[in-house]
Amino acid sequence: METPILDAVTDATFAERVLAANVPVVVDYWAPWCSPCRQLDPILEELAVRFGGRVRFLRLDTDANGVTPDVQGVRGLPTVQLFVAGQEVRRFQGAKTKLELQNAVESVLA
């Protein structure tokens, strides 16, 4: 079985894997039925490879994990949050281009 590029995060692991992370974290809120979410997958996978080790890329299935999206104020899918030192620094809702997401990640690494 192939290891997924985008690792899963859950309600139970969000605080440890995102808020307490020592690297910037990109969280992709998605659901299996969400077509725009599936369109975003290859972009996030490409960025995860490009920024591997310097930025953590995680996916949260909102159908299976309802608490975190509610706490984080996620109201639509897909939503992508960028965290630095446990604080949200950027949020994208809806389909975004690779360049938009790449520029956001690069800005926190600069």
N, C-alpha and C. Protein backbone atom coordinates (compact mmCIF):
# COMPACT_ATOMS: atom_id res chain seq x y z
N MET A 1 0.85 -1.19 0.00
CA MET A 1 0.00 0.00 0.00
C MET A 1 0.89 1.25 0.00
N GLU A 2 0.57 2.18 -0.85
CA GLU A 2 1.35 3.41 -0.98
C GLU A 2 1.07 4.36 0.18
N THR A 3 2.11 5.00 0.67
CA THR A 3 1.95 5.98 1.75
C THR A 3 1.39 7.27 1.17
N PRO A 4 0.30 7.79 1.76
CA PRO A 4 -0.26 9.04 1.23
C PRO A 4 0.69 10.21 1.47
N ILE A 5 0.72 11.11 0.51
CA ILE A 5 1.56 12.30 0.63
C ILE A 5 0.96 13.26 1.66
N LEU A 6 -0.37 13.38 1.62
CA LEU A 6 -1.05 14.24 2.57
C LEU A 6 -1.53 13.38 3.73
N ASP A 7 -0.93 13.55 4.89
CA ASP A 7 -1.24 12.76 6.06
C ASP A 7 -2.57 13.22 6.67
N ALA A 8 -3.28 12.31 7.29
CA ALA A 8 -4.56 12.64 7.89
C ALA A 8 -4.37 13.22 9.29
N VAL A 9 -5.25 14.15 9.62
CA VAL A 9 -5.33 14.68 10.98
C VAL A 9 -6.79 14.52 11.39
N THR A 10 -7.04 14.35 12.69
CA THR A 10 -8.39 14.13 13.19
C THR A 10 -8.68 15.12 14.31
N ASP A 11 -9.93 15.10 14.77
CA ASP A 11 -10.28 15.92 15.93
C ASP A 11 -9.35 15.60 17.10
N ALA A 12 -9.05 14.32 17.28
CA ALA A 12 -8.23 13.87 18.42
C ALA A 12 -6.76 14.29 18.29
N THR A 13 -6.26 14.45 17.06
CA THR A 13 -4.84 14.73 16.87
C THR A 13 -4.55 16.16 16.44
N PHE A 14 -5.59 16.98 16.23
CA PHE A 14 -5.41 18.33 15.70
C PHE A 14 -4.50 19.19 16.58
N ALA A 15 -4.75 19.21 17.87
CA ALA A 15 -3.96 20.08 18.76
C ALA A 15 -2.48 19.71 18.71
N GLU A 16 -2.18 18.42 18.77
CA GLU A 16 -0.78 17.98 18.76
C GLU A 16 -0.12 18.17 17.40
N ARG A 17 -0.81 17.80 16.32
CA ARG A 17 -0.20 17.79 14.99
C ARG A 17 -0.20 19.15 14.32
N VAL A 18 -1.12 20.04 14.72
CA VAL A 18 -1.23 21.35 14.07
C VAL A 18 -0.82 22.47 15.03
N LEU A 19 -1.52 22.58 16.13
CA LEU A 19 -1.31 23.72 17.03
C LEU A 19 0.04 23.67 17.75
N ALA A 20 0.55 22.47 18.01
CA ALA A 20 1.83 22.33 18.71
C ALA A 20 2.99 22.03 17.76
N ALA A 21 2.77 22.12 16.47
CA ALA A 21 3.81 21.79 15.49
C ALA A 21 4.96 22.80 15.54
N ASN A 22 6.16 22.31 15.27
CA ASN A 22 7.34 23.19 15.26
C ASN A 22 7.70 23.64 13.85
N VAL A 23 6.84 23.34 12.89
CA VAL A 23 6.97 23.81 11.51
C VAL A 23 5.62 24.37 11.07
N PRO A 24 5.59 25.20 10.02
CA PRO A 24 4.29 25.65 9.51
C PRO A 24 3.46 24.45 9.07
N VAL A 25 2.14 24.58 9.20
CA VAL A 25 1.23 23.48 8.87
C VAL A 25 0.13 23.99 7.94
N VAL A 26 -0.10 23.24 6.87
CA VAL A 26 -1.22 23.48 5.96
C VAL A 26 -2.27 22.41 6.26
N VAL A 27 -3.49 22.84 6.57
CA VAL A 27 -4.58 21.91 6.84
C VAL A 27 -5.63 22.06 5.74
N ASP A 28 -5.92 20.95 5.08
CA ASP A 28 -6.93 20.88 4.03
C ASP A 28 -8.18 20.23 4.60
N TYR A 29 -9.25 21.00 4.72
CA TYR A 29 -10.55 20.47 5.17
C TYR A 29 -11.29 19.99 3.93
N TRP A 30 -11.67 18.72 3.91
CA TRP A 30 -12.25 18.11 2.72
C TRP A 30 -13.33 17.11 3.12
N ALA A 31 -14.04 16.60 2.13
CA ALA A 31 -15.00 15.51 2.31
C ALA A 31 -14.98 14.67 1.04
N PRO A 32 -15.26 13.36 1.17
CA PRO A 32 -15.21 12.47 0.00
C PRO A 32 -16.15 12.89 -1.13
N TRP A 33 -17.25 13.53 -0.82
CA TRP A 33 -18.25 13.90 -1.82
C TRP A 33 -17.94 15.24 -2.50
N CYS A 34 -16.90 15.94 -2.04
CA CYS A 34 -16.61 17.31 -2.50
C CYS A 34 -15.72 17.30 -3.75
N SER A 35 -16.30 17.62 -4.88
CA SER A 35 -15.56 17.64 -6.15
C SER A 35 -14.43 18.67 -6.16
N PRO A 36 -14.66 19.92 -5.73
CA PRO A 36 -13.55 20.87 -5.70
C PRO A 36 -12.41 20.42 -4.77
N CYS A 37 -12.75 19.66 -3.73
CA CYS A 37 -11.72 19.13 -2.83
C CYS A 37 -10.81 18.17 -3.60
N ARG A 38 -11.40 17.32 -4.40
CA ARG A 38 -10.61 16.36 -5.19
C ARG A 38 -9.75 17.09 -6.22
N GLN A 39 -10.22 18.21 -6.74
CA GLN A 39 -9.43 18.99 -7.70
C GLN A 39 -8.22 19.63 -7.02
N LEU A 40 -8.34 19.92 -5.74
CA LEU A 40 -7.26 20.55 -4.98
C LEU A 40 -6.18 19.54 -4.58
N ASP A 41 -6.54 18.26 -4.49
CA ASP A 41 -5.61 17.22 -4.04
C ASP A 41 -4.27 17.22 -4.76
N PRO A 42 -4.23 17.18 -6.11
CA PRO A 42 -2.92 17.11 -6.76
C PRO A 42 -2.07 18.36 -6.53
N ILE A 43 -2.71 19.50 -6.35
CA ILE A 43 -1.97 20.74 -6.07
C ILE A 43 -1.30 20.63 -4.70
N LEU A 44 -2.07 20.20 -3.71
CA LEU A 44 -1.52 20.09 -2.36
C LEU A 44 -0.46 19.00 -2.29
N GLU A 45 -0.66 17.91 -3.02
CA GLU A 45 0.34 16.84 -3.05
C GLU A 45 1.66 17.35 -3.66
N GLU A 46 1.56 18.11 -4.72
CA GLU A 46 2.75 18.67 -5.36
C GLU A 46 3.48 19.62 -4.41
N LEU A 47 2.72 20.46 -3.71
CA LEU A 47 3.33 21.39 -2.76
C LEU A 47 3.93 20.64 -1.57
N ALA A 48 3.29 19.57 -1.14
CA ALA A 48 3.82 18.78 -0.03
C ALA A 48 5.17 18.18 -0.40
N VAL A 49 5.32 17.75 -1.63
CA VAL A 49 6.61 17.22 -2.09
C VAL A 49 7.63 18.35 -2.17
N ARG A 50 7.22 19.47 -2.73
CA ARG A 50 8.13 20.61 -2.91
C ARG A 50 8.66 21.16 -1.59
N PHE A 51 7.78 21.26 -0.59
CA PHE A 51 8.16 21.86 0.69
C PHE A 51 8.39 20.80 1.78
N GLY A 52 8.55 19.55 1.38
CA GLY A 52 8.71 18.45 2.32
C GLY A 52 9.73 18.73 3.40
N GLY A 53 9.35 18.45 4.64
CA GLY A 53 10.25 18.66 5.76
C GLY A 53 10.19 20.06 6.36
N ARG A 54 9.89 21.05 5.52
CA ARG A 54 9.84 22.44 6.02
C ARG A 54 8.42 22.85 6.39
N VAL A 55 7.43 22.19 5.79
CA VAL A 55 6.02 22.48 6.03
C VAL A 55 5.28 21.15 6.12
N ARG A 56 4.39 21.03 7.08
CA ARG A 56 3.58 19.81 7.24
C ARG A 56 2.25 20.04 6.52
N PHE A 57 1.86 19.10 5.67
CA PHE A 57 0.59 19.16 4.95
C PHE A 57 -0.32 18.06 5.48
N LEU A 58 -1.49 18.46 5.99
CA LEU A 58 -2.43 17.52 6.59
C LEU A 58 -3.81 17.69 6.00
N ARG A 59 -4.58 16.60 6.03
CA ARG A 59 -5.97 16.63 5.54
C ARG A 59 -6.90 16.23 6.67
N LEU A 60 -8.02 16.93 6.80
CA LEU A 60 -9.01 16.60 7.80
C LEU A 60 -10.34 16.32 7.09
N ASP A 61 -10.81 15.08 7.21
CA ASP A 61 -12.09 14.66 6.62
C ASP A 61 -13.21 15.21 7.51
N THR A 62 -13.95 16.18 6.99
CA THR A 62 -14.97 16.84 7.80
C THR A 62 -16.19 15.96 8.07
N ASP A 63 -16.40 14.94 7.23
CA ASP A 63 -17.50 14.01 7.50
C ASP A 63 -17.20 13.16 8.73
N ALA A 64 -15.95 12.79 8.92
CA ALA A 64 -15.55 11.93 10.03
C ALA A 64 -15.13 12.72 11.27
N ASN A 65 -14.85 14.01 11.11
CA ASN A 65 -14.36 14.85 12.21
C ASN A 65 -15.09 16.18 12.19
N GLY A 66 -16.14 16.30 12.99
CA GLY A 66 -16.98 17.49 12.96
C GLY A 66 -16.61 18.57 13.97
N VAL A 67 -15.85 18.23 14.99
CA VAL A 67 -15.55 19.18 16.05
C VAL A 67 -14.57 20.26 15.58
N THR A 68 -13.45 19.84 15.01
CA THR A 68 -12.42 20.80 14.61
C THR A 68 -12.91 21.82 13.58
N PRO A 69 -13.61 21.40 12.52
CA PRO A 69 -14.11 22.40 11.58
C PRO A 69 -15.03 23.42 12.26
N ASP A 70 -15.84 22.97 13.21
CA ASP A 70 -16.73 23.89 13.92
C ASP A 70 -15.92 24.87 14.77
N VAL A 71 -14.95 24.36 15.51
CA VAL A 71 -14.11 25.21 16.36
C VAL A 71 -13.32 26.20 15.50
N GLN A 72 -12.84 25.76 14.34
CA GLN A 72 -12.03 26.60 13.47
C GLN A 72 -12.87 27.51 12.56
N GLY A 73 -14.18 27.40 12.64
CA GLY A 73 -15.05 28.28 11.85
C GLY A 73 -15.07 27.95 10.37
N VAL A 74 -14.86 26.68 10.04
CA VAL A 74 -14.91 26.25 8.65
C VAL A 74 -16.37 26.12 8.24
N ARG A 75 -16.76 26.89 7.23
CA ARG A 75 -18.16 26.92 6.81
C ARG A 75 -18.39 26.39 5.41
N GLY A 76 -17.32 26.12 4.66
CA GLY A 76 -17.45 25.60 3.31
C GLY A 76 -16.24 24.78 2.94
N LEU A 77 -16.42 23.95 1.92
CA LEU A 77 -15.33 23.10 1.45
C LEU A 77 -15.03 23.39 0.00
N PRO A 78 -13.78 23.25 -0.39
CA PRO A 78 -12.64 23.03 0.48
C PRO A 78 -12.24 24.31 1.20
N THR A 79 -11.67 24.14 2.37
CA THR A 79 -11.04 25.24 3.10
C THR A 79 -9.62 24.80 3.43
N VAL A 80 -8.68 25.70 3.23
CA VAL A 80 -7.27 25.42 3.55
C VAL A 80 -6.81 26.50 4.53
N GLN A 81 -6.26 26.05 5.66
CA GLN A 81 -5.70 26.96 6.65
C GLN A 81 -4.19 26.77 6.70
N LEU A 82 -3.49 27.86 6.93
CA LEU A 82 -2.04 27.82 7.11
C LEU A 82 -1.75 28.31 8.52
N PHE A 83 -1.09 27.46 9.30
CA PHE A 83 -0.76 27.77 10.69
C PHE A 83 0.74 27.95 10.86
N VAL A 84 1.13 28.92 11.68
CA VAL A 84 2.52 29.10 12.08
C VAL A 84 2.51 29.26 13.60
N ALA A 85 3.29 28.43 14.27
CA ALA A 85 3.37 28.47 15.74
C ALA A 85 1.99 28.38 16.38
N GLY A 86 1.14 27.54 15.83
CA GLY A 86 -0.18 27.31 16.40
C GLY A 86 -1.23 28.37 16.09
N GLN A 87 -0.87 29.38 15.31
CA GLN A 87 -1.80 30.46 14.97
C GLN A 87 -2.12 30.43 13.48
N GLU A 88 -3.38 30.62 13.16
CA GLU A 88 -3.77 30.70 11.75
C GLU A 88 -3.25 32.01 11.17
N VAL A 89 -2.54 31.91 10.04
CA VAL A 89 -2.02 33.11 9.39
C VAL A 89 -2.67 33.35 8.03
N ARG A 90 -3.24 32.33 7.43
CA ARG A 90 -3.94 32.48 6.14
C ARG A 90 -5.07 31.46 6.08
N ARG A 91 -6.11 31.82 5.32
CA ARG A 91 -7.23 30.91 5.07
C ARG A 91 -7.68 31.09 3.64
N PHE A 92 -7.91 29.98 2.99
CA PHE A 92 -8.44 29.97 1.63
C PHE A 92 -9.70 29.13 1.62
N GLN A 93 -10.75 29.64 0.99
CA GLN A 93 -11.97 28.86 0.87
C GLN A 93 -12.30 28.73 -0.60
N GLY A 94 -12.68 27.54 -1.01
CA GLY A 94 -12.98 27.28 -2.41
C GLY A 94 -11.73 26.88 -3.16
N ALA A 95 -11.91 26.59 -4.43
CA ALA A 95 -10.79 26.16 -5.27
C ALA A 95 -9.80 27.31 -5.45
N LYS A 96 -8.54 27.00 -5.28
CA LYS A 96 -7.47 27.99 -5.43
C LYS A 96 -6.42 27.43 -6.38
N THR A 97 -5.63 28.33 -6.93
CA THR A 97 -4.59 27.91 -7.86
C THR A 97 -3.35 27.47 -7.07
N LYS A 98 -2.51 26.72 -7.75
CA LYS A 98 -1.24 26.30 -7.14
C LYS A 98 -0.42 27.52 -6.76
N LEU A 99 -0.40 28.52 -7.62
CA LEU A 99 0.40 29.72 -7.36
C LEU A 99 -0.07 30.44 -6.10
N GLU A 100 -1.37 30.57 -5.90
CA GLU A 100 -1.88 31.24 -4.70
C GLU A 100 -1.43 30.51 -3.43
N LEU A 101 -1.57 29.19 -3.44
CA LEU A 101 -1.20 28.40 -2.26
C LEU A 101 0.32 28.38 -2.07
N GLN A 102 1.05 28.24 -3.16
CA GLN A 102 2.52 28.24 -3.10
C GLN A 102 3.04 29.56 -2.55
N ASN A 103 2.49 30.67 -3.01
CA ASN A 103 2.93 31.99 -2.53
C ASN A 103 2.67 32.14 -1.03
N ALA A 104 1.54 31.62 -0.55
CA ALA A 104 1.22 31.71 0.88
C ALA A 104 2.23 30.92 1.70
N VAL A 105 2.56 29.71 1.24
CA VAL A 105 3.53 28.89 1.96
C VAL A 105 4.91 29.54 1.93
N GLU A 106 5.31 30.02 0.77
CA GLU A 106 6.62 30.67 0.65
C GLU A 106 6.72 31.90 1.55
N SER A 107 5.61 32.62 1.71
CA SER A 107 5.64 33.84 2.52
C SER A 107 5.94 33.55 3.98
N VAL A 108 5.51 32.39 4.50
CA VAL A 108 5.80 32.08 5.90
C VAL A 108 7.18 31.47 6.08
N LEU A 109 7.77 31.01 4.99
CA LEU A 109 9.13 30.47 5.07
C LEU A 109 10.19 31.53 4.86
N ALA A 110 9.78 32.68 4.33
CA ALA A 110 10.76 33.75 4.02
C ALA A 110 11.34 34.37 5.26
